[in-house]
Amino acid sequence: MMMTTTDELIYLDNNATTQLDPAVIEEMLPFLTEQYANPSAGYGFAAKARKAIDLARERLAALLGCEASEIVFTSCGTESNNAVINSALQFEPRGKHVVTSAVEHSAVLRPCQDLAKRGCEVTFVGVDRDGNVDFAGLEAAIRPETAIVSLMWANNETGVLFPVEKIAQICRKKGVLFHTDAVQAAGKIPICLRDTAINFLSLSAHKFHGPKGVGALYVNRRTRFRPLIGGGGQENGRRGGTENVASIVGLGKAAERAAECLPEEKTQVRAMRDRFEKGILEGVPDASVNGCSAARLPNTSSFLFDGIESPAALMLLDRHHICCSAGSACRTGSQEASHVLRAMNSSGDGARRSLRFSFGRFNSDAQIDRAIEIVPKVIEKLRQLSAPARESAQIHQEPAGIAPEA
């Protein structure tokens, strides 16, 4: 077992981003130095870059269980999501209606909210207290004029999995396109797209130990698609702009490594997550796991701690060199409570009292042991600090003329 010191960084925010796999760095380096050609050029020097992109496409297709020709490289998952929604609305002649869920990442929610402001009708389907999508409500929301249904495969805050393959089948029967934001799912759970009715899938390399600034979009070969970015005809005319060769190479290698490590995600990473949850639940009274009764990713724990405020907990954990989050990294610093946790329980204040811990294959057992030791102490200290304030508030709320008990 690896040893950890008290000042070692313990990174438990792998849903925000991941450490680059050393094998990925090694594969990228030549394309950041001597192999700098534009892959669209016509000489042999450029052919090496084109060949590297083709290999990356094949490696990603192998991870996703699809054809290499169905892969479009983009800058990130956000671009992929926007490209799909934009394309679907341009092609759909029957109307302008989109169905999505209330717990999507902002990369889907924001475009849908913007569409609603411009007159497009959007249905946001709710979830239950465990984060499961309202299946009956979803099916009822699909109408003849629906252009596309877009649902995430795995929630970035809770890790809750949606039954996207089943939902895609329903959409196919109704003649509606289906897209899934699989940014958190790709590389963590097995995916075989050729066996599904999924039309589009989005992903981002930095969520599975690849570089930031590069993503991909799966477009089923039988599905029409109009590019979001026009240009010089790169990516078979589906995404303009000179390819980010080094990062695409890194994405391909990260996909290959992810495929090799899927058994490790299922066993070792899940074991770390489960051991952490058990240790925290045993060490912290009045703690619970958000979405614990639902199917979840093997690496994600969203905890609700009574008697604390998430921002204060994050600050104190940071002093102990533990990195986690209050929800999506894209929300950090915002004063708004998590829309995901509010959708799961609109009547409670758990959205302001939750912390997300997400694990990866570069975490060690010793780091988990250290986190299990520190987190309960941090929660207890915060509760002690907040207790006088709560007591004072209760005193001031007593009816006039009634003295508080001694």
Protein backbone atom coordinates (compact mmCIF):
# COMPACT_ATOMS: atom_id res chain seq x y z
CA MET A 1 0.00 0.00 0.00
CA MET A 2 1.28 3.49 -0.89
CA MET A 3 1.94 5.84 2.00
CA THR A 4 0.52 9.33 2.07
CA THR A 5 1.85 12.29 4.03
CA THR A 6 -0.23 14.95 5.72
CA ASP A 7 0.68 17.56 3.07
CA GLU A 8 0.14 15.36 0.01
CA LEU A 9 -2.58 16.54 -2.35
CA ILE A 10 -5.53 14.13 -2.29
CA TYR A 11 -7.42 14.73 -5.51
CA LEU A 12 -11.01 13.47 -5.24
CA ASP A 13 -12.59 15.61 -7.96
CA ASN A 14 -12.16 13.37 -10.99
CA ASN A 15 -15.56 14.34 -12.38
CA ALA A 16 -14.24 17.89 -12.79
CA THR A 17 -11.12 16.78 -14.64
CA THR A 18 -8.56 13.99 -14.47
CA GLN A 19 -4.82 13.61 -14.29
CA LEU A 20 -3.20 13.04 -17.68
CA ASP A 21 -2.17 9.42 -18.10
CA PRO A 22 1.64 9.34 -18.61
CA ALA A 23 1.10 7.18 -21.69
CA VAL A 24 -1.07 9.94 -23.15
CA ILE A 25 1.63 12.58 -22.59
CA GLU A 26 4.24 10.36 -24.23
CA GLU A 27 2.07 9.86 -27.31
CA MET A 28 1.27 13.58 -27.62
CA LEU A 29 4.81 14.94 -27.30
CA PRO A 30 6.03 14.29 -30.88
CA PHE A 31 3.02 16.24 -32.21
CA LEU A 32 3.90 19.19 -29.97
CA THR A 33 7.51 19.21 -31.23
CA GLU A 34 8.77 17.72 -34.51
CA GLN A 35 5.47 16.46 -36.02
CA TYR A 36 3.88 19.90 -36.40
CA ALA A 37 2.45 19.67 -39.93
CA ASN A 38 -1.07 20.73 -40.86
CA PRO A 39 -2.83 17.42 -41.57
CA SER A 40 -4.69 18.96 -44.53
CA ALA A 41 -1.48 19.68 -46.46
CA GLY A 42 -0.58 17.50 -49.43
CA TYR A 43 2.98 16.33 -48.68
CA GLY A 44 4.36 13.33 -46.85
CA PHE A 45 5.22 15.31 -43.71
CA ALA A 46 1.53 16.13 -43.27
CA ALA A 47 0.48 12.55 -43.97
CA LYS A 48 1.99 11.52 -40.63
CA ALA A 49 -0.37 13.88 -38.83
CA ARG A 50 -3.36 12.62 -40.85
CA LYS A 51 -2.41 9.03 -40.03
CA ALA A 52 -2.21 9.88 -36.32
CA ILE A 53 -5.71 11.41 -36.42
CA ASP A 54 -7.04 8.32 -38.21
CA LEU A 55 -5.54 6.09 -35.49
CA ALA A 56 -7.11 8.23 -32.77
CA ARG A 57 -10.48 7.94 -34.49
CA GLU A 58 -10.15 4.14 -34.62
CA ARG A 59 -9.16 3.94 -30.96
CA LEU A 60 -12.13 6.04 -29.84
CA ALA A 61 -14.48 4.05 -32.05
CA ALA A 62 -13.21 0.87 -30.37
CA LEU A 63 -14.02 2.31 -26.93
CA LEU A 64 -17.52 3.33 -28.03
CA GLY A 65 -18.35 0.27 -30.13
CA CYS A 66 -19.02 2.18 -33.34
CA GLU A 67 -17.46 2.85 -36.76
CA ALA A 68 -14.48 5.20 -37.03
CA SER A 69 -16.32 7.17 -39.72
CA GLU A 70 -19.01 8.03 -37.15
CA ILE A 71 -16.56 10.01 -34.98
CA VAL A 72 -16.23 13.80 -35.30
CA PHE A 73 -13.49 15.50 -33.28
CA THR A 74 -14.50 18.74 -31.54
CA SER A 75 -13.02 21.11 -28.96
CA CYS A 76 -15.01 19.70 -26.01
CA GLY A 77 -18.24 18.10 -24.86
CA THR A 78 -19.95 21.49 -24.73
CA GLU A 79 -19.32 22.11 -28.41
CA SER A 80 -20.55 18.61 -29.25
CA ASN A 81 -23.79 19.18 -27.31
CA ASN A 82 -24.43 22.52 -28.98
CA ALA A 83 -23.69 21.10 -32.43
CA VAL A 84 -26.25 18.32 -32.01
CA ILE A 85 -29.07 20.54 -30.76
CA ASN A 86 -28.40 23.12 -33.46
CA SER A 87 -28.36 20.47 -36.19
CA ALA A 88 -31.55 18.75 -35.06
CA LEU A 89 -33.52 21.98 -35.04
CA GLN A 90 -32.32 22.91 -38.52
CA PHE A 91 -33.40 19.60 -39.99
CA GLU A 92 -36.72 19.08 -38.18
CA PRO A 93 -39.51 20.44 -40.44
CA ARG A 94 -42.41 19.51 -38.15
CA GLY A 95 -41.78 21.94 -35.35
CA LYS A 96 -39.42 23.34 -32.76
CA HIS A 97 -39.70 21.29 -29.60
CA VAL A 98 -36.87 19.84 -27.49
CA VAL A 99 -37.11 17.38 -24.59
CA THR A 100 -34.39 17.23 -21.96
CA SER A 101 -34.13 16.68 -18.19
CA ALA A 102 -34.04 19.11 -15.28
CA VAL A 103 -30.65 17.75 -14.14
CA GLU A 104 -28.58 18.12 -17.30
CA HIS A 105 -25.15 19.73 -17.33
CA SER A 106 -25.14 23.44 -18.17
CA ALA A 107 -23.73 22.51 -21.60
CA VAL A 108 -27.22 21.25 -22.47
CA LEU A 109 -29.37 23.31 -20.08
CA ARG A 110 -28.03 26.69 -21.22
CA PRO A 111 -28.56 26.10 -24.96
CA CYS A 112 -32.07 24.81 -24.23
CA GLN A 113 -32.86 27.80 -22.02
CA ASP A 114 -31.61 30.12 -24.76
CA LEU A 115 -33.81 28.32 -27.29
CA ALA A 116 -36.83 28.78 -25.03
CA LYS A 117 -36.16 32.53 -24.91
CA ARG A 118 -36.16 32.57 -28.72
CA GLY A 119 -39.54 30.86 -28.98
CA CYS A 120 -38.58 27.20 -29.16
CA GLU A 121 -40.61 25.06 -26.77
CA VAL A 122 -38.52 23.03 -24.35
CA THR A 123 -39.79 20.37 -21.92
CA PHE A 124 -37.60 19.78 -18.85
CA VAL A 125 -38.49 16.35 -17.45
CA GLY A 126 -38.12 15.92 -13.69
CA VAL A 127 -36.44 13.28 -11.54
CA ASP A 128 -37.36 11.50 -8.31
CA ARG A 129 -35.59 11.81 -4.94
CA ASP A 130 -32.92 9.33 -6.05
CA GLY A 131 -32.26 11.19 -9.29
CA ASN A 132 -34.01 8.71 -11.58
CA VAL A 133 -35.67 10.27 -14.59
CA ASP A 134 -39.48 10.38 -14.64
CA PHE A 135 -39.84 7.74 -17.34
CA ALA A 136 -43.59 8.13 -17.80
CA GLY A 137 -43.24 11.90 -17.93
CA LEU A 138 -40.46 11.60 -20.49
CA GLU A 139 -42.45 9.34 -22.79
CA ALA A 140 -45.48 11.61 -22.52
CA ALA A 141 -43.37 14.67 -23.33
CA ILE A 142 -42.38 13.37 -26.78
CA ARG A 143 -44.71 14.84 -29.39
CA PRO A 144 -44.99 14.72 -33.19
CA GLU A 145 -43.25 18.07 -33.41
CA THR A 146 -40.34 17.07 -31.12
CA ALA A 147 -37.03 17.66 -32.91
CA ILE A 148 -34.74 15.87 -30.44
CA VAL A 149 -34.57 14.29 -26.99
CA SER A 150 -31.31 14.99 -25.15
CA LEU A 151 -30.54 13.19 -21.88
CA MET A 152 -27.25 12.66 -20.09
CA TRP A 153 -25.96 9.09 -19.66
CA ALA A 154 -24.49 9.76 -16.20
CA ASN A 155 -25.09 12.72 -13.93
CA ASN A 156 -21.96 14.72 -13.22
CA GLU A 157 -22.95 15.56 -9.63
CA THR A 158 -24.49 12.33 -8.31
CA GLY A 159 -23.24 9.73 -10.78
CA VAL A 160 -26.83 8.51 -11.30
CA LEU A 161 -27.21 6.63 -14.60
CA PHE A 162 -30.15 7.15 -16.94
CA PRO A 163 -31.40 4.15 -19.01
CA VAL A 164 -30.43 5.90 -22.23
CA GLU A 165 -30.43 2.76 -24.39
CA LYS A 166 -34.06 2.09 -23.46
CA ILE A 167 -34.98 5.74 -23.94
CA ALA A 168 -33.30 5.76 -27.36
CA GLN A 169 -35.47 2.81 -28.41
CA ILE A 170 -38.61 4.71 -27.44
CA CYS A 171 -37.42 7.72 -29.43
CA ARG A 172 -36.73 5.58 -32.48
CA LYS A 173 -40.25 4.10 -32.33
CA LYS A 174 -41.64 7.63 -32.20
CA GLY A 175 -39.40 8.80 -35.04
CA VAL A 176 -37.51 11.31 -32.88
CA LEU A 177 -33.74 11.83 -32.72
CA PHE A 178 -31.98 10.92 -29.48
CA HIS A 179 -28.76 12.46 -28.11
CA THR A 180 -26.88 11.60 -24.95
CA ASP A 181 -24.30 13.72 -23.15
CA ALA A 182 -21.93 10.92 -22.15
CA VAL A 183 -19.14 13.17 -20.88
CA GLN A 184 -19.15 11.46 -17.46
CA ALA A 185 -19.92 7.96 -18.75
CA ALA A 186 -17.36 7.49 -21.52
CA GLY A 187 -14.35 5.54 -20.32
CA LYS A 188 -15.99 4.61 -17.00
CA ILE A 189 -18.67 2.12 -18.06
CA PRO A 190 -18.90 -0.20 -21.10
CA ILE A 191 -20.54 1.41 -24.15
CA CYS A 192 -21.41 -0.32 -27.43
CA LEU A 193 -23.23 2.13 -29.67
CA ARG A 194 -23.76 -0.22 -32.60
CA ASP A 195 -26.19 -2.18 -30.43
CA THR A 196 -28.28 0.90 -29.57
CA ALA A 197 -30.72 3.34 -31.18
CA ILE A 198 -28.63 6.34 -30.07
CA ASN A 199 -28.22 8.93 -32.83
CA PHE A 200 -25.66 11.22 -31.17
CA LEU A 201 -23.23 10.99 -28.25
CA SER A 202 -20.96 13.68 -26.80
CA LEU A 203 -17.74 13.21 -24.81
CA SER A 204 -14.68 15.09 -23.58
CA ALA A 205 -11.14 13.70 -23.32
CA HIS A 206 -10.20 15.31 -20.01
CA LYS A 207 -12.80 13.28 -18.13
CA PHE A 208 -10.91 10.02 -18.79
CA HIS A 209 -7.26 11.03 -18.36
CA GLY A 210 -6.85 12.79 -21.71
CA PRO A 211 -6.05 16.44 -22.45
CA LYS A 212 -8.38 19.41 -22.01
CA GLY A 213 -9.66 21.27 -25.04
CA VAL A 214 -10.58 18.27 -27.17
CA GLY A 215 -13.77 16.24 -27.39
CA ALA A 216 -15.76 14.19 -29.83
CA LEU A 217 -19.22 13.68 -31.21
CA TYR A 218 -20.62 10.36 -32.38
CA VAL A 219 -22.99 10.78 -35.31
CA ASN A 220 -24.77 7.59 -36.35
CA ARG A 221 -24.03 6.96 -40.01
CA ARG A 222 -27.75 6.90 -40.85
CA THR A 223 -28.45 10.23 -39.11
CA ARG A 224 -28.40 13.57 -40.91
CA PHE A 225 -26.12 16.19 -39.39
CA ARG A 226 -25.43 19.82 -40.20
CA PRO A 227 -22.16 21.29 -38.88
CA LEU A 228 -22.16 23.97 -36.21
CA ILE A 229 -18.81 25.28 -37.48
CA GLY A 230 -18.34 25.67 -41.22
CA GLY A 231 -14.89 26.02 -42.71
CA GLY A 232 -12.37 24.17 -44.81
CA GLY A 233 -14.11 20.83 -44.86
CA GLN A 234 -12.17 19.12 -42.07
CA GLU A 235 -13.67 16.11 -40.28
CA ASN A 236 -15.31 15.00 -43.54
CA GLY A 237 -17.12 18.32 -43.75
CA ARG A 238 -18.71 17.97 -40.31
CA ARG A 239 -16.53 20.37 -38.30
CA GLY A 240 -14.45 23.14 -39.83
CA GLY A 241 -11.10 24.28 -38.45
CA THR A 242 -7.55 22.95 -38.47
CA GLU A 243 -7.41 19.84 -36.32
CA ASN A 244 -5.81 20.03 -32.88
CA VAL A 245 -3.53 17.13 -33.78
CA ALA A 246 -1.62 16.65 -30.51
CA SER A 247 -4.79 16.75 -28.41
CA ILE A 248 -6.67 14.44 -30.78
CA VAL A 249 -3.76 12.00 -30.53
CA GLY A 250 -4.02 12.31 -26.73
CA LEU A 251 -7.76 11.64 -26.83
CA GLY A 252 -7.16 8.52 -28.91
CA LYS A 253 -4.54 7.18 -26.53
CA ALA A 254 -6.72 8.02 -23.52
CA ALA A 255 -9.57 6.08 -25.15
CA GLU A 256 -7.30 3.09 -25.70
CA ARG A 257 -6.13 3.22 -22.06
CA ALA A 258 -9.72 3.64 -20.84
CA ALA A 259 -10.77 0.52 -22.73
CA GLU A 260 -7.93 -1.42 -21.13
CA CYS A 261 -8.82 -0.10 -17.66
CA LEU A 262 -12.60 -0.64 -17.73
CA PRO A 263 -12.28 -3.74 -15.50
CA GLU A 264 -10.28 -1.61 -13.05
CA GLU A 265 -13.01 1.07 -13.03
CA LYS A 266 -15.59 -1.63 -12.25
CA THR A 267 -13.62 -3.26 -9.45
CA GLN A 268 -10.79 -1.20 -7.92
CA VAL A 269 -12.24 2.29 -8.37
CA ARG A 270 -15.69 1.11 -7.25
CA ALA A 271 -14.09 -0.59 -4.22
CA MET A 272 -12.38 2.68 -3.25
CA ARG A 273 -15.64 4.58 -3.65
CA ASP A 274 -17.60 2.04 -1.60
CA ARG A 275 -14.96 1.93 1.15
CA PHE A 276 -14.95 5.72 1.33
CA GLU A 277 -18.75 5.85 1.58
CA LYS A 278 -18.79 3.21 4.30
CA GLY A 279 -16.09 5.03 6.28
CA ILE A 280 -17.82 8.41 6.05
CA LEU A 281 -21.27 7.05 6.93
CA GLU A 282 -19.79 5.28 9.96
CA GLY A 283 -17.75 8.32 11.02
CA VAL A 284 -20.25 11.13 10.44
CA PRO A 285 -23.70 11.15 12.08
CA ASP A 286 -26.57 12.55 9.99
CA ALA A 287 -24.83 11.96 6.67
CA SER A 288 -26.34 10.33 3.60
CA VAL A 289 -25.46 9.62 -0.03
CA ASN A 290 -27.48 11.42 -2.69
CA GLY A 291 -28.87 8.93 -5.21
CA CYS A 292 -27.66 5.91 -3.26
CA SER A 293 -30.66 3.78 -4.29
CA ALA A 294 -30.17 4.44 -8.01
CA ALA A 295 -27.75 2.86 -10.47
CA ARG A 296 -24.60 5.01 -10.33
CA LEU A 297 -21.18 5.41 -11.88
CA PRO A 298 -18.56 3.36 -10.04
CA ASN A 299 -16.52 6.43 -9.10
CA THR A 300 -18.96 9.05 -7.76
CA SER A 301 -20.18 9.88 -4.23
CA SER A 302 -22.44 12.85 -3.49
CA PHE A 303 -22.83 13.30 0.27
CA LEU A 304 -25.41 15.30 2.18
CA PHE A 305 -24.14 16.49 5.58
CA ASP A 306 -26.66 18.06 7.97
CA GLY A 307 -25.49 21.13 9.86
CA ILE A 308 -22.87 22.47 7.42
CA GLU A 309 -22.60 24.82 4.45
CA SER A 310 -20.80 23.41 1.41
CA PRO A 311 -18.54 26.44 0.69
CA ALA A 312 -17.14 26.40 4.23
CA ALA A 313 -16.51 22.66 4.00
CA LEU A 314 -14.67 23.06 0.71
CA MET A 315 -12.41 25.74 2.18
CA LEU A 316 -11.54 23.68 5.24
CA LEU A 317 -10.95 20.50 3.24
CA ASP A 318 -8.70 22.48 0.90
CA ARG A 319 -6.56 23.46 3.90
CA HIS A 320 -6.11 19.74 4.49
CA HIS A 321 -5.12 19.31 0.81
CA ILE A 322 -8.30 17.44 -0.15
CA CYS A 323 -9.88 18.44 -3.46
CA CYS A 324 -13.60 17.80 -3.93
CA SER A 325 -16.54 19.95 -5.02
CA ALA A 326 -20.01 21.11 -4.09
CA GLY A 327 -21.37 19.87 -7.41
CA SER A 328 -20.40 20.67 -10.96
CA ALA A 329 -17.01 22.35 -11.39
CA CYS A 330 -18.75 24.70 -13.83
CA ARG A 331 -20.86 26.02 -10.91
CA THR A 332 -18.06 26.55 -8.39
CA GLY A 333 -18.12 30.14 -7.15
CA SER A 334 -21.77 30.54 -8.03
CA GLN A 335 -24.15 31.50 -5.24
CA GLU A 336 -26.83 29.26 -6.72
CA ALA A 337 -27.47 25.92 -5.07
CA SER A 338 -27.09 22.81 -7.21
CA HIS A 339 -29.98 22.55 -9.67
CA VAL A 340 -29.47 18.77 -9.69
CA LEU A 341 -30.00 18.35 -5.95
CA ARG A 342 -32.86 20.86 -5.95
CA ALA A 343 -34.58 18.83 -8.67
CA MET A 344 -34.18 15.71 -6.53
CA ASN A 345 -35.67 17.39 -3.44
CA SER A 346 -37.12 20.84 -3.98
CA SER A 347 -38.43 21.13 -0.40
CA GLY A 348 -35.10 20.57 1.37
CA ASP A 349 -31.83 22.49 1.66
CA GLY A 350 -29.58 19.56 0.79
CA ALA A 351 -28.37 21.38 -2.31
CA ARG A 352 -26.41 23.74 -0.02
CA ARG A 353 -25.11 21.02 2.29
CA SER A 354 -23.68 18.50 -0.16
CA LEU A 355 -20.18 17.59 -1.28
CA ARG A 356 -19.17 15.51 -4.30
CA PHE A 357 -16.19 13.16 -4.14
CA SER A 358 -15.16 11.46 -7.39
CA PHE A 359 -12.43 8.88 -7.69
CA GLY A 360 -10.07 7.63 -10.39
CA ARG A 361 -7.50 4.99 -11.11
CA PHE A 362 -4.63 7.24 -9.99
CA ASN A 363 -6.01 7.48 -6.45
CA SER A 364 -4.44 5.19 -3.86
CA ASP A 365 -5.80 3.24 -0.91
CA ALA A 366 -3.63 5.36 1.38
CA GLN A 367 -5.30 8.53 0.07
CA ILE A 368 -8.72 7.06 0.76
CA ASP A 369 -7.64 6.15 4.29
CA ARG A 370 -6.44 9.70 4.87
CA ALA A 371 -9.68 11.19 3.49
CA ILE A 372 -11.77 8.92 5.72
CA GLU A 373 -9.75 10.26 8.65
CA ILE A 374 -10.00 13.97 7.74
CA VAL A 375 -13.54 14.44 6.40
CA PRO A 376 -15.37 13.49 9.64
CA LYS A 377 -13.15 15.88 11.62
CA VAL A 378 -13.89 18.71 9.20
CA ILE A 379 -17.64 18.10 9.34
CA GLU A 380 -17.59 17.93 13.13
CA LYS A 381 -15.62 21.19 13.39
CA LEU A 382 -18.06 22.98 11.08
CA ARG A 383 -21.02 21.72 13.05
CA GLN A 384 -19.47 22.96 16.29
CA LEU A 385 -18.87 26.37 14.75
CA SER A 386 -22.40 26.63 13.39
CA ALA A 387 -24.14 25.39 16.56
CA PRO A 388 -23.97 28.74 18.47
CA ALA A 389 -25.38 30.57 15.45
CA ARG A 390 -28.28 28.13 15.20
CA GLU A 391 -28.98 28.40 18.92
CA SER A 392 -28.93 32.21 18.72
CA ALA A 393 -31.35 32.15 15.81
CA GLN A 394 -33.72 29.91 17.75
CA ILE A 395 -33.61 32.25 20.76
CA HIS A 396 -34.48 35.26 18.62
CA GLN A 397 -37.38 33.38 17.11
CA GLU A 398 -39.04 32.78 20.53
CA PRO A 399 -42.43 34.54 20.90
CA ALA A 400 -42.33 37.83 22.77
CA GLY A 401 -42.69 37.50 26.54
CA ILE A 402 -41.36 33.93 26.69
CA ALA A 403 -37.88 33.63 28.10
CA PRO A 404 -35.62 30.91 26.71
CA GLU A 405 -34.88 28.00 29.03
CA ALA A 406 -31.72 28.26 31.09
